Amino acid sequence: MEKNSIRRNLKREDIISEIKLLCGEDYKKVKTFVIVEGDDDLKFIKNKFNSKAYGFESFSGCDGVEEIVNYFQSDKRVIGIRDKDYSNLISGSNKIFLYDYHSLEIMLAMNNESFESVCTEFYCGGEKVFELRNKVFQKLKYISCFREKNSSEGWELITENISIDELYRKSKLDCNEEIIKEINRPSKNNYDSEKQSIVEGHYHCVTDLKLITRGHDFSELFKVICNTSGIEKNIKSKDVELVLRTSFTLESFKNTSLFQSLEEYENDNHLNFLVR
């Protein structure tokens, strides 16, 4: 993807106008217009898509991705890529493609080479690399189960207050009761015994944490583990995500379900937008 083919910080109307203009100029219908959630997504895709592709940052996260793609639903050249989050979406449906697992960050972290790279860069502790990765998932398990049920049950409880950094530093992340206190800290939240029972039941039956662990939670906990392993450091979660992203090779991308679904769409619609 060429540098001048990337569009950032545009409003909804400006994105639509720009795509209409570019589509009008594309007489041979060989261009592809890819809508993604944010700037990190643009950085991720720019060396995965060729010079026939244009990348657009959504005006409103995943909702904006869906809105723009739906606006151009009849045009096969306009597609979207977003996190699966806690949705029931199927990758490729309605021209919306999903990162593997829960989100971009989890897809990157599950690539062994990328996770080894981020550990080499930041981690000074004694745990083995992949045992450390499993530890991050396990320590986030209750919060991940809560987030999923908060979404699927429509509770709409406030979650911005949950500080993974503070919970880990105070050794409270392994105590579900302490996490419940943190969830209930905003006065508007009513995370009562009935809701807790629903989450508890899910906690004991969930099998694949990769599907429910939020990517930013993963990078946040990994960050604080690194910052407290040995000499205190000042690593940011954005630093973790940057190394994961930049160490994820084109060959690794080709092994993802995302690539396979994009390649199938490309072939079925006689387009050419992927780097090979």
Protein backbone atom coordinates (compact mmCIF):
# COMPACT_ATOMS: atom_id res chain seq x y z
CA MET A 1 0.00 0.00 0.00
CA GLU A 2 1.47 3.34 -1.05
CA LYS A 3 2.01 6.05 1.57
CA ASN A 4 -0.25 8.48 -0.28
CA SER A 5 -3.00 5.83 -0.38
CA ILE A 6 -3.62 6.03 3.38
CA ARG A 7 -6.31 8.32 4.79
CA ARG A 8 -6.51 9.27 8.48
CA ASN A 9 -8.70 11.45 10.71
CA LEU A 10 -11.53 11.96 8.23
CA LYS A 11 -15.17 12.51 9.15
CA ARG A 12 -17.87 10.11 7.90
CA GLU A 13 -18.96 12.38 5.06
CA ASP A 14 -15.36 13.00 3.98
CA ILE A 15 -14.59 9.26 3.84
CA ILE A 16 -17.68 8.59 1.74
CA SER A 17 -16.90 11.50 -0.60
CA GLU A 18 -13.27 10.40 -1.01
CA ILE A 19 -14.22 6.80 -1.79
CA LYS A 20 -16.87 7.95 -4.28
CA LEU A 21 -14.29 10.12 -6.04
CA LEU A 22 -11.67 7.35 -6.16
CA CYS A 23 -14.22 4.78 -7.33
CA GLY A 24 -15.28 7.13 -10.11
CA GLU A 25 -11.69 7.43 -11.29
CA ASP A 26 -11.20 3.66 -11.17
CA TYR A 27 -12.56 2.91 -14.64
CA LYS A 28 -11.04 -0.58 -14.76
CA LYS A 29 -12.40 -1.39 -11.27
CA VAL A 30 -9.05 -2.71 -10.02
CA LYS A 31 -8.73 -0.69 -6.82
CA THR A 32 -9.74 -1.87 -3.34
CA PHE A 33 -10.71 0.38 -0.43
CA VAL A 34 -10.06 -1.03 3.04
CA ILE A 35 -11.75 0.50 6.09
CA VAL A 36 -10.11 -0.24 9.47
CA GLU A 37 -10.76 0.78 13.06
CA GLY A 38 -7.78 2.99 13.85
CA ASP A 39 -4.25 4.14 13.16
CA ASP A 40 -2.59 0.97 14.52
CA ASP A 41 -4.66 -1.05 12.06
CA LEU A 42 -3.51 1.16 9.18
CA LYS A 43 0.10 0.60 10.23
CA PHE A 44 -0.52 -3.14 10.35
CA ILE A 45 -2.12 -3.48 6.91
CA LYS A 46 0.04 -1.08 4.92
CA ASN A 47 2.68 -3.69 4.03
CA LYS A 48 0.11 -6.49 3.65
CA PHE A 49 -1.86 -4.80 0.85
CA ASN A 50 -0.39 -3.84 -2.51
CA SER A 51 -0.37 -0.56 -4.46
CA LYS A 52 -3.91 -1.14 -5.76
CA ALA A 53 -5.34 -0.75 -2.25
CA TYR A 54 -6.32 2.37 -0.29
CA GLY A 55 -6.56 2.34 3.51
CA PHE A 56 -9.08 4.45 5.45
CA GLU A 57 -9.20 4.97 9.20
CA SER A 58 -12.77 4.69 10.48
CA PHE A 59 -14.45 7.79 11.88
CA SER A 60 -15.81 5.72 14.80
CA GLY A 61 -13.99 2.46 15.50
CA CYS A 62 -15.64 -0.81 14.52
CA ASP A 63 -19.08 0.81 14.23
CA GLY A 64 -17.66 3.23 11.67
CA VAL A 65 -16.09 0.36 9.72
CA GLU A 66 -19.46 -1.35 9.40
CA GLU A 67 -21.29 1.87 8.55
CA ILE A 68 -18.94 2.81 5.70
CA VAL A 69 -18.83 -0.72 4.25
CA ASN A 70 -22.63 -0.99 4.46
CA TYR A 71 -22.96 2.36 2.65
CA PHE A 72 -21.03 0.82 -0.25
CA GLN A 73 -22.58 -2.65 0.16
CA SER A 74 -23.13 -3.14 -3.57
CA ASP A 75 -19.52 -2.29 -4.44
CA LYS A 76 -17.23 -5.30 -4.07
CA ARG A 77 -14.18 -3.00 -3.93
CA VAL A 78 -15.03 -1.58 -0.48
CA ILE A 79 -14.23 -3.93 2.42
CA GLY A 80 -13.62 -3.61 6.14
CA ILE A 81 -11.34 -5.21 8.74
CA ARG A 82 -12.17 -5.05 12.45
CA ASP A 83 -11.74 -6.82 15.78
CA LYS A 84 -14.22 -9.59 16.48
CA ASP A 85 -14.58 -8.31 20.06
CA TYR A 86 -17.58 -10.03 21.67
CA SER A 87 -19.68 -10.12 18.51
CA ASN A 88 -21.11 -13.14 16.70
CA LEU A 89 -19.82 -11.94 13.35
CA ILE A 90 -18.36 -14.37 10.82
CA SER A 91 -15.28 -13.18 8.95
CA GLY A 92 -16.15 -12.20 5.38
CA SER A 93 -19.86 -11.76 6.00
CA ASN A 94 -21.13 -8.53 4.39
CA LYS A 95 -17.55 -7.73 3.31
CA ILE A 96 -16.38 -7.35 6.94
CA PHE A 97 -13.26 -9.36 7.78
CA LEU A 98 -12.13 -10.21 11.31
CA TYR A 99 -8.75 -10.54 12.96
CA ASP A 100 -8.09 -14.02 14.34
CA TYR A 101 -9.31 -14.58 17.91
CA HIS A 102 -10.63 -11.55 19.80
CA SER A 103 -8.64 -8.71 18.25
CA LEU A 104 -5.53 -7.59 16.37
CA GLU A 105 -3.38 -7.62 19.52
CA ILE A 106 -4.35 -11.18 20.43
CA MET A 107 -3.70 -12.37 16.88
CA LEU A 108 -0.22 -10.84 17.10
CA ALA A 109 0.48 -12.18 20.59
CA MET A 110 -0.48 -15.71 19.52
CA ASN A 111 2.22 -15.65 16.86
CA ASN A 112 5.18 -17.35 18.55
CA GLU A 113 7.87 -15.31 16.80
CA SER A 114 6.19 -12.01 17.66
CA PHE A 115 5.67 -12.96 21.29
CA GLU A 116 9.27 -14.13 21.60
CA SER A 117 10.36 -10.77 20.14
CA VAL A 118 8.36 -8.72 22.64
CA CYS A 119 9.70 -10.84 25.52
CA THR A 120 13.28 -10.37 24.30
CA GLU A 121 12.69 -6.63 24.13
CA PHE A 122 11.00 -6.06 27.50
CA TYR A 123 10.85 -9.07 29.84
CA CYS A 124 13.62 -9.62 32.40
CA GLY A 125 11.93 -12.24 34.59
CA GLY A 126 12.61 -15.95 34.87
CA GLU A 127 9.48 -17.50 33.39
CA LYS A 128 9.59 -19.36 30.11
CA VAL A 129 8.20 -17.38 27.20
CA PHE A 130 5.06 -19.35 26.44
CA GLU A 131 4.34 -20.06 30.10
CA LEU A 132 4.37 -16.28 30.56
CA ARG A 133 1.88 -15.86 27.72
CA ASN A 134 -0.43 -18.40 29.32
CA LYS A 135 -0.03 -16.63 32.67
CA VAL A 136 -1.26 -13.36 31.15
CA PHE A 137 -4.39 -15.06 29.79
CA GLN A 138 -5.08 -16.85 33.07
CA LYS A 139 -4.67 -13.76 35.25
CA LEU A 140 -7.11 -11.87 33.01
CA LYS A 141 -9.65 -14.70 32.97
CA TYR A 142 -12.21 -13.24 35.38
CA ILE A 143 -12.05 -9.77 33.83
CA SER A 144 -12.38 -11.30 30.35
CA CYS A 145 -15.40 -13.36 31.39
CA PHE A 146 -16.96 -10.28 32.96
CA ARG A 147 -16.35 -8.15 29.86
CA GLU A 148 -17.90 -10.78 27.59
CA LYS A 149 -21.04 -11.13 29.72
CA ASN A 150 -21.30 -7.37 30.19
CA SER A 151 -21.45 -7.14 26.40
CA SER A 152 -23.60 -10.18 25.56
CA GLU A 153 -26.10 -9.62 28.40
CA GLY A 154 -26.40 -5.90 27.66
CA TRP A 155 -25.59 -4.82 31.22
CA GLU A 156 -23.75 -1.69 30.05
CA LEU A 157 -21.73 -1.49 33.27
CA ILE A 158 -18.90 1.06 33.35
CA THR A 159 -15.54 -0.66 32.77
CA GLU A 160 -13.12 2.23 32.20
CA ASN A 161 -12.24 2.30 35.90
CA ILE A 162 -10.76 -1.22 35.92
CA SER A 163 -7.02 -0.73 36.46
CA ILE A 164 -5.14 -3.90 35.53
CA ASP A 165 -1.87 -2.19 36.43
CA GLU A 166 -3.04 -1.39 39.96
CA LEU A 167 -4.73 -4.77 40.51
CA TYR A 168 -1.55 -6.60 39.53
CA ARG A 169 0.78 -4.40 41.59
CA LYS A 170 -1.43 -4.88 44.67
CA SER A 171 -1.63 -8.65 44.08
CA LYS A 172 -5.40 -8.45 43.64
CA LEU A 173 -5.68 -9.83 40.13
CA ASP A 174 -5.86 -13.42 41.43
CA CYS A 175 -8.70 -12.57 43.81
CA ASN A 176 -12.12 -12.42 42.14
CA GLU A 177 -13.62 -10.65 45.16
CA GLU A 178 -11.16 -7.79 44.78
CA ILE A 179 -11.96 -7.53 41.05
CA ILE A 180 -15.67 -7.42 41.91
CA LYS A 181 -14.98 -4.50 44.27
CA GLU A 182 -13.14 -2.73 41.45
CA ILE A 183 -16.06 -3.30 39.06
CA ASN A 184 -18.53 -1.94 41.61
CA ARG A 185 -16.43 1.12 42.44
CA PRO A 186 -18.42 3.46 40.13
CA SER A 187 -21.63 4.33 41.99
CA LYS A 188 -23.72 3.74 38.85
CA ASN A 189 -22.59 0.12 38.56
CA ASN A 190 -24.82 -2.57 40.00
CA TYR A 191 -22.78 -5.73 39.57
CA ASP A 192 -25.01 -7.70 41.91
CA SER A 193 -25.01 -11.36 42.98
CA GLU A 194 -27.18 -12.43 40.05
CA LYS A 195 -24.77 -10.97 37.49
CA GLN A 196 -21.80 -12.35 39.43
CA SER A 197 -23.36 -15.82 39.30
CA ILE A 198 -23.67 -15.60 35.50
CA VAL A 199 -20.01 -14.60 35.17
CA GLU A 200 -18.93 -17.28 37.65
CA GLY A 201 -20.70 -19.96 35.61
CA HIS A 202 -19.00 -18.73 32.46
CA TYR A 203 -15.66 -18.62 34.28
CA HIS A 204 -15.84 -22.34 35.05
CA CYS A 205 -16.85 -23.48 31.56
CA VAL A 206 -14.92 -21.20 29.17
CA THR A 207 -12.20 -23.09 27.33
CA ASP A 208 -10.55 -20.70 24.84
CA LEU A 209 -9.35 -17.51 26.49
CA LYS A 210 -7.93 -16.22 23.19
CA LEU A 211 -11.49 -15.60 22.03
CA ILE A 212 -12.56 -13.49 25.02
CA THR A 213 -9.42 -11.69 26.19
CA ARG A 214 -9.36 -8.06 25.13
CA GLY A 215 -6.16 -7.15 23.30
CA HIS A 216 -5.52 -3.96 25.23
CA ASP A 217 -5.96 -5.85 28.53
CA PHE A 218 -3.32 -8.34 27.36
CA SER A 219 -0.79 -5.65 26.44
CA GLU A 220 -1.54 -3.73 29.65
CA LEU A 221 -0.89 -6.74 31.90
CA PHE A 222 2.18 -7.80 29.93
CA LYS A 223 3.47 -4.25 30.32
CA VAL A 224 3.12 -4.18 34.11
CA ILE A 225 4.66 -7.67 34.45
CA CYS A 226 7.69 -6.44 32.50
CA ASN A 227 7.84 -3.19 34.49
CA THR A 228 7.98 -5.12 37.77
CA SER A 229 10.33 -7.94 36.70
CA GLY A 230 13.75 -6.88 37.90
CA ILE A 231 14.56 -3.17 37.64
CA GLU A 232 11.48 -0.95 37.55
CA LYS A 233 10.98 0.29 34.01
CA ASN A 234 8.52 2.61 32.30
CA ILE A 235 7.28 0.48 29.42
CA LYS A 236 3.93 1.55 27.95
CA SER A 237 1.29 -0.83 26.60
CA LYS A 238 1.65 1.01 23.27
CA ASP A 239 5.32 -0.03 23.24
CA VAL A 240 4.27 -3.67 23.64
CA GLU A 241 1.74 -3.39 20.81
CA LEU A 242 4.30 -1.69 18.57
CA VAL A 243 6.86 -4.50 18.93
CA LEU A 244 4.20 -7.16 18.41
CA ARG A 245 3.02 -5.42 15.26
CA THR A 246 6.44 -4.72 13.73
CA SER A 247 7.74 -8.25 14.40
CA PHE A 248 4.73 -9.88 12.72
CA THR A 249 6.00 -10.87 9.28
CA LEU A 250 4.21 -11.20 5.97
CA GLU A 251 4.74 -14.96 6.18
CA SER A 252 3.04 -14.99 9.58
CA PHE A 253 0.13 -13.03 8.09
CA LYS A 254 -0.24 -15.63 5.35
CA ASN A 255 -0.82 -18.27 8.02
CA THR A 256 -3.78 -16.45 9.58
CA SER A 257 -7.46 -17.14 9.05
CA LEU A 258 -7.81 -13.45 8.19
CA PHE A 259 -5.47 -13.82 5.21
CA GLN A 260 -7.28 -16.94 4.03
CA SER A 261 -10.68 -15.24 4.10
CA LEU A 262 -9.30 -12.15 2.33
CA GLU A 263 -7.60 -14.28 -0.31
CA GLU A 264 -10.81 -16.21 -0.95
CA TYR A 265 -12.74 -12.95 -1.35
CA GLU A 266 -10.05 -11.56 -3.64
CA ASN A 267 -10.19 -14.62 -5.90
CA ASP A 268 -13.99 -14.86 -5.94
CA ASN A 269 -14.34 -11.21 -6.94
CA HIS A 270 -11.43 -11.04 -9.41
CA LEU A 271 -9.59 -8.42 -7.36
CA ASN A 272 -5.89 -8.06 -6.61
CA PHE A 273 -5.03 -6.33 -3.33
CA LEU A 274 -2.89 -8.68 -1.21
CA VAL A 275 0.91 -8.71 -1.17
CA ARG A 276 2.29 -12.17 -1.88
